[in-house]
Amino acid sequence: MIEPDTVLQNRYRIVCLFRQGSHAVYEADDQQLSNTVALKETFYGGRFKVFEQEVRLLAT
């Protein structure tokens, strides 16, 4: 688990954990764009391609 107030990539400040299972979803503040975002932390290895496809789909 990532602790609240942790800053990732000098940009995202973790607010709280939303959900944990095969991945964790956190509420975070994007300090560059001044808005709230959701960040997903995955726990299974070798699945980067699936994660990348999901990110691309959500971005469109």
PDB file of N, CA and C in Angstrom:
ATOM      1  N   MET A   1       0.841  -1.189   0.000  1.00  0.00           N
ATOM      2  CA  MET A   1       0.000   0.000   0.000  1.00  0.00           C
ATOM      3  C   MET A   1       0.886   1.252   0.000  1.00  0.00           C
ATOM      4  N   ILE A   2       0.475   2.223  -0.783  1.00  0.00           N
ATOM      5  CA  ILE A   2       1.168   3.509  -0.820  1.00  0.00           C
ATOM      6  C   ILE A   2       0.511   4.415   0.221  1.00  0.00           C
ATOM      7  N   GLU A   3       1.317   4.980   1.062  1.00  0.00           N
ATOM      8  CA  GLU A   3       0.807   5.806   2.162  1.00  0.00           C
ATOM      9  C   GLU A   3       0.285   7.154   1.658  1.00  0.00           C
ATOM     10  N   PRO A   4      -0.781   7.688   2.298  1.00  0.00           N
ATOM     11  CA  PRO A   4      -1.262   9.027   1.963  1.00  0.00           C
ATOM     12  C   PRO A   4      -0.134  10.058   2.091  1.00  0.00           C
ATOM     13  N   ASP A   5      -0.192  11.083   1.278  1.00  0.00           N
ATOM     14  CA  ASP A   5       0.774  12.179   1.189  1.00  0.00           C
ATOM     15  C   ASP A   5       2.073  11.789   0.493  1.00  0.00           C
ATOM     16  N   THR A   6       2.197  10.531   0.015  1.00  0.00           N
ATOM     17  CA  THR A   6       3.344  10.150  -0.801  1.00  0.00           C
ATOM     18  C   THR A   6       3.209  10.832  -2.157  1.00  0.00           C
ATOM     19  N   VAL A   7       4.300  11.375  -2.671  1.00  0.00           N
ATOM     20  CA  VAL A   7       4.286  12.022  -3.984  1.00  0.00           C
ATOM     21  C   VAL A   7       5.011  11.112  -4.968  1.00  0.00           C
ATOM     22  N   LEU A   8       4.330  10.769  -6.052  1.00  0.00           N
ATOM     23  CA  LEU A   8       4.877   9.901  -7.091  1.00  0.00           C
ATOM     24  C   LEU A   8       5.246  10.726  -8.312  1.00  0.00           C
ATOM     25  N   GLN A   9       6.391  10.444  -8.883  1.00  0.00           N
ATOM     26  CA  GLN A   9       6.894  11.102 -10.092  1.00  0.00           C
ATOM     27  C   GLN A   9       6.892  12.629  -9.963  1.00  0.00           C
ATOM     28  N   ASN A  10       7.133  13.111  -8.757  1.00  0.00           N
ATOM     29  CA  ASN A  10       7.152  14.561  -8.483  1.00  0.00           C
ATOM     30  C   ASN A  10       5.887  15.253  -8.978  1.00  0.00           C
ATOM     31  N   ARG A  11       4.772  14.528  -8.961  1.00  0.00           N
ATOM     32  CA  ARG A  11       3.552  15.078  -9.532  1.00  0.00           C
ATOM     33  C   ARG A  11       2.281  14.686  -8.790  1.00  0.00           C
ATOM     34  N   TYR A  12       2.126  13.404  -8.458  1.00  0.00           N
ATOM     35  CA  TYR A  12       0.865  12.897  -7.914  1.00  0.00           C
ATOM     36  C   TYR A  12       0.976  12.679  -6.410  1.00  0.00           C
ATOM     37  N   ARG A  13       0.186  13.418  -5.631  1.00  0.00           N
ATOM     38  CA  ARG A  13       0.162  13.243  -4.176  1.00  0.00           C
ATOM     39  C   ARG A  13      -0.993  12.323  -3.818  1.00  0.00           C
ATOM     40  N   ILE A  14      -0.678  11.188  -3.195  1.00  0.00           N
ATOM     41  CA  ILE A  14      -1.699  10.202  -2.822  1.00  0.00           C
ATOM     42  C   ILE A  14      -2.584  10.772  -1.728  1.00  0.00           C
ATOM     43  N   VAL A  15      -3.902  10.676  -1.936  1.00  0.00           N
ATOM     44  CA  VAL A  15      -4.878  11.126  -0.942  1.00  0.00           C
ATOM     45  C   VAL A  15      -5.350   9.941  -0.112  1.00  0.00           C
ATOM     46  N   CYS A  16      -5.831   8.877  -0.791  1.00  0.00           N
ATOM     47  CA  CYS A  16      -6.323   7.708  -0.068  1.00  0.00           C
ATOM     48  C   CYS A  16      -6.423   6.506  -1.010  1.00  0.00           C
ATOM     49  N   LEU A  17      -6.564   5.344  -0.413  1.00  0.00           N
ATOM     50  CA  LEU A  17      -6.764   4.100  -1.158  1.00  0.00           C
ATOM     51  C   LEU A  17      -8.263   3.937  -1.402  1.00  0.00           C
ATOM     52  N   PHE A  18      -8.665   3.729  -2.667  1.00  0.00           N
ATOM     53  CA  PHE A  18     -10.063   3.466  -3.012  1.00  0.00           C
ATOM     54  C   PHE A  18     -10.401   1.994  -2.854  1.00  0.00           C
ATOM     55  N   ARG A  19      -9.547   1.146  -3.447  1.00  0.00           N
ATOM     56  CA  ARG A  19      -9.859  -0.276  -3.548  1.00  0.00           C
ATOM     57  C   ARG A  19      -8.574  -1.076  -3.695  1.00  0.00           C
ATOM     58  N   GLN A  20      -8.573  -2.293  -3.158  1.00  0.00           N
ATOM     59  CA  GLN A  20      -7.422  -3.166  -3.324  1.00  0.00           C
ATOM     60  C   GLN A  20      -7.901  -4.573  -3.634  1.00  0.00           C
ATOM     61  N   GLY A  21      -7.295  -5.208  -4.616  1.00  0.00           N
ATOM     62  CA  GLY A  21      -7.592  -6.573  -5.048  1.00  0.00           C
ATOM     63  C   GLY A  21      -6.415  -7.013  -5.889  1.00  0.00           C
ATOM     64  N   SER A  22      -6.663  -7.373  -7.163  1.00  0.00           N
ATOM     65  CA  SER A  22      -5.551  -7.690  -8.055  1.00  0.00           C
ATOM     66  C   SER A  22      -4.773  -6.423  -8.409  1.00  0.00           C
ATOM     67  N   HIS A  23      -5.356  -5.283  -8.122  1.00  0.00           N
ATOM     68  CA  HIS A  23      -4.684  -3.994  -8.255  1.00  0.00           C
ATOM     69  C   HIS A  23      -5.260  -3.056  -7.197  1.00  0.00           C
ATOM     70  N   ALA A  24      -4.520  -2.022  -6.900  1.00  0.00           N
ATOM     71  CA  ALA A  24      -5.000  -1.002  -5.963  1.00  0.00           C
ATOM     72  C   ALA A  24      -5.310   0.257  -6.751  1.00  0.00           C
ATOM     73  N   VAL A  25      -6.367   0.955  -6.360  1.00  0.00           N
ATOM     74  CA  VAL A  25      -6.723   2.218  -6.994  1.00  0.00           C
ATOM     75  C   VAL A  25      -6.684   3.299  -5.913  1.00  0.00           C
ATOM     76  N   TYR A  26      -5.965   4.362  -6.206  1.00  0.00           N
ATOM     77  CA  TYR A  26      -5.787   5.453  -5.255  1.00  0.00           C
ATOM     78  C   TYR A  26      -6.388   6.742  -5.799  1.00  0.00           C
ATOM     79  N   GLU A  27      -6.923   7.555  -4.906  1.00  0.00           N
ATOM     80  CA  GLU A  27      -7.257   8.936  -5.248  1.00  0.00           C
ATOM     81  C   GLU A  27      -5.975   9.738  -5.060  1.00  0.00           C
ATOM     82  N   ALA A  28      -5.662  10.595  -6.027  1.00  0.00           N
ATOM     83  CA  ALA A  28      -4.447  11.405  -5.940  1.00  0.00           C
ATOM     84  C   ALA A  28      -4.709  12.799  -6.488  1.00  0.00           C
ATOM     85  N   ASP A  29      -3.929  13.746  -6.025  1.00  0.00           N
ATOM     86  CA  ASP A  29      -3.972  15.106  -6.560  1.00  0.00           C
ATOM     87  C   ASP A  29      -2.859  15.245  -7.579  1.00  0.00           C
ATOM     88  N   ASP A  30      -3.223  15.647  -8.795  1.00  0.00           N
ATOM     89  CA  ASP A  30      -2.225  15.948  -9.829  1.00  0.00           C
ATOM     90  C   ASP A  30      -1.755  17.368  -9.560  1.00  0.00           C
ATOM     91  N   GLN A  31      -0.550  17.505  -9.053  1.00  0.00           N
ATOM     92  CA  GLN A  31      -0.056  18.811  -8.634  1.00  0.00           C
ATOM     93  C   GLN A  31       0.330  19.708  -9.803  1.00  0.00           C
ATOM     94  N   GLN A  32       0.506  19.151 -10.997  1.00  0.00           N
ATOM     95  CA  GLN A  32       0.812  19.978 -12.171  1.00  0.00           C
ATOM     96  C   GLN A  32      -0.450  20.565 -12.778  1.00  0.00           C
ATOM     97  N   LEU A  33      -1.538  19.779 -12.807  1.00  0.00           N
ATOM     98  CA  LEU A  33      -2.776  20.243 -13.442  1.00  0.00           C
ATOM     99  C   LEU A  33      -3.828  20.689 -12.435  1.00  0.00           C
ATOM    100  N   SER A  34      -3.539  20.537 -11.141  1.00  0.00           N
ATOM    101  CA  SER A  34      -4.443  20.955 -10.058  1.00  0.00           C
ATOM    102  C   SER A  34      -5.817  20.308 -10.169  1.00  0.00           C
ATOM    103  N   ASN A  35      -5.825  18.979 -10.352  1.00  0.00           N
ATOM    104  CA  ASN A  35      -7.096  18.261 -10.333  1.00  0.00           C
ATOM    105  C   ASN A  35      -6.923  16.900  -9.678  1.00  0.00           C
ATOM    106  N   THR A  36      -8.047  16.230  -9.426  1.00  0.00           N
ATOM    107  CA  THR A  36      -8.048  14.931  -8.777  1.00  0.00           C
ATOM    108  C   THR A  36      -8.040  13.836  -9.833  1.00  0.00           C
ATOM    109  N   VAL A  37      -7.211  12.806  -9.611  1.00  0.00           N
ATOM    110  CA  VAL A  37      -7.095  11.692 -10.550  1.00  0.00           C
ATOM    111  C   VAL A  37      -7.169  10.377  -9.787  1.00  0.00           C
ATOM    112  N   ALA A  38      -7.367   9.296 -10.527  1.00  0.00           N
ATOM    113  CA  ALA A  38      -7.287   7.950  -9.965  1.00  0.00           C
ATOM    114  C   ALA A  38      -6.028   7.296 -10.521  1.00  0.00           C
ATOM    115  N   LEU A  39      -5.260   6.663  -9.649  1.00  0.00           N
ATOM    116  CA  LEU A  39      -4.044   5.951 -10.061  1.00  0.00           C
ATOM    117  C   LEU A  39      -4.217   4.478  -9.746  1.00  0.00           C
ATOM    118  N   LYS A  40      -3.827   3.629 -10.680  1.00  0.00           N
ATOM    119  CA  LYS A  40      -3.930   2.176 -10.491  1.00  0.00           C
ATOM    120  C   LYS A  40      -2.543   1.585 -10.313  1.00  0.00           C
ATOM    121  N   GLU A  41      -2.395   0.777  -9.276  1.00  0.00           N
ATOM    122  CA  GLU A  41      -1.157   0.043  -9.019  1.00  0.00           C
ATOM    123  C   GLU A  41      -1.456  -1.431  -9.226  1.00  0.00           C
ATOM    124  N   THR A  42      -0.800  -2.060 -10.188  1.00  0.00           N
ATOM    125  CA  THR A  42      -1.054  -3.475 -10.455  1.00  0.00           C
ATOM    126  C   THR A  42      -0.035  -4.339  -9.732  1.00  0.00           C
ATOM    127  N   PHE A  43      -0.434  -5.559  -9.389  1.00  0.00           N
ATOM    128  CA  PHE A  43       0.408  -6.448  -8.609  1.00  0.00           C
ATOM    129  C   PHE A  43       0.849  -7.678  -9.370  1.00  0.00           C
ATOM    130  N   TYR A  44       0.358  -7.895 -10.587  1.00  0.00           N
ATOM    131  CA  TYR A  44       0.735  -9.083 -11.331  1.00  0.00           C
ATOM    132  C   TYR A  44       1.751  -8.720 -12.393  1.00  0.00           C
ATOM    133  N   GLY A  45       2.812  -9.516 -12.503  1.00  0.00           N
ATOM    134  CA  GLY A  45       3.889  -9.241 -13.440  1.00  0.00           C
ATOM    135  C   GLY A  45       3.557  -9.730 -14.839  1.00  0.00           C
ATOM    136  N   GLY A  46       4.258  -9.187 -15.818  1.00  0.00           N
ATOM    137  CA  GLY A  46       4.120  -9.634 -17.193  1.00  0.00           C
ATOM    138  C   GLY A  46       2.831  -9.225 -17.869  1.00  0.00           C
ATOM    139  N   ARG A  47       2.083  -8.327 -17.278  1.00  0.00           N
ATOM    140  CA  ARG A  47       0.793  -7.930 -17.840  1.00  0.00           C
ATOM    141  C   ARG A  47       0.807  -6.478 -18.303  1.00  0.00           C
ATOM    142  N   PHE A  48       1.999  -5.936 -18.568  1.00  0.00           N
ATOM    143  CA  PHE A  48       2.104  -4.535 -18.949  1.00  0.00           C
ATOM    144  C   PHE A  48       1.323  -4.233 -20.217  1.00  0.00           C
ATOM    145  N   LYS A  49       1.344  -5.136 -21.199  1.00  0.00           N
ATOM    146  CA  LYS A  49       0.654  -4.899 -22.466  1.00  0.00           C
ATOM    147  C   LYS A  49      -0.847  -4.709 -22.248  1.00  0.00           C
ATOM    148  N   VAL A  50      -1.443  -5.530 -21.392  1.00  0.00           N
ATOM    149  CA  VAL A  50      -2.875  -5.405 -21.092  1.00  0.00           C
ATOM    150  C   VAL A  50      -3.138  -4.062 -20.411  1.00  0.00           C
ATOM    151  N   PHE A  51      -2.279  -3.696 -19.478  1.00  0.00           N
ATOM    152  CA  PHE A  51      -2.427  -2.423 -18.782  1.00  0.00           C
ATOM    153  C   PHE A  51      -2.287  -1.254 -19.754  1.00  0.00           C
ATOM    154  N   GLU A  52      -1.318  -1.334 -20.664  1.00  0.00           N
ATOM    155  CA  GLU A  52      -1.116  -0.284 -21.652  1.00  0.00           C
ATOM    156  C   GLU A  52      -2.346  -0.126 -22.551  1.00  0.00           C
ATOM    157  N   GLN A  53      -2.954  -1.228 -22.946  1.00  0.00           N
ATOM    158  CA  GLN A  53      -4.163  -1.168 -23.774  1.00  0.00           C
ATOM    159  C   GLN A  53      -5.301  -0.504 -23.022  1.00  0.00           C
ATOM    160  N   GLU A  54      -5.426  -0.840 -21.740  1.00  0.00           N
ATOM    161  CA  GLU A  54      -6.482  -0.220 -20.922  1.00  0.00           C
ATOM    162  C   GLU A  54      -6.270   1.286 -20.809  1.00  0.00           C
ATOM    163  N   VAL A  55      -5.039   1.706 -20.601  1.00  0.00           N
ATOM    164  CA  VAL A  55      -4.733   3.136 -20.494  1.00  0.00           C
ATOM    165  C   VAL A  55      -5.065   3.854 -21.790  1.00  0.00           C
ATOM    166  N   ARG A  56      -4.698   3.263 -22.917  1.00  0.00           N
ATOM    167  CA  ARG A  56      -4.985   3.886 -24.218  1.00  0.00           C
ATOM    168  C   ARG A  56      -6.499   3.994 -24.456  1.00  0.00           C
ATOM    169  N   LEU A  57      -7.226   2.948 -24.092  1.00  0.00           N
ATOM    170  CA  LEU A  57      -8.675   2.967 -24.255  1.00  0.00           C
ATOM    171  C   LEU A  57      -9.313   4.058 -23.403  1.00  0.00           C
ATOM    172  N   LEU A  58      -8.893   4.169 -22.161  1.00  0.00           N
ATOM    173  CA  LEU A  58      -9.452   5.177 -21.259  1.00  0.00           C
ATOM    174  C   LEU A  58      -9.073   6.598 -21.668  1.00  0.00           C
ATOM    175  N   ALA A  59      -7.951   6.743 -22.355  1.00  0.00           N
ATOM    176  CA  ALA A  59      -7.503   8.080 -22.773  1.00  0.00           C
ATOM    177  C   ALA A  59      -8.284   8.601 -23.969  1.00  0.00           C
ATOM    178  N   THR A  60      -8.961   7.716 -24.702  1.00  0.00           N
ATOM    179  CA  THR A  60      -9.687   8.189 -25.904  1.00  0.00           C
ATOM    180  C   THR A  60     -11.079   8.668 -25.599  1.00  0.00           C
TER     181      THR A  60
END
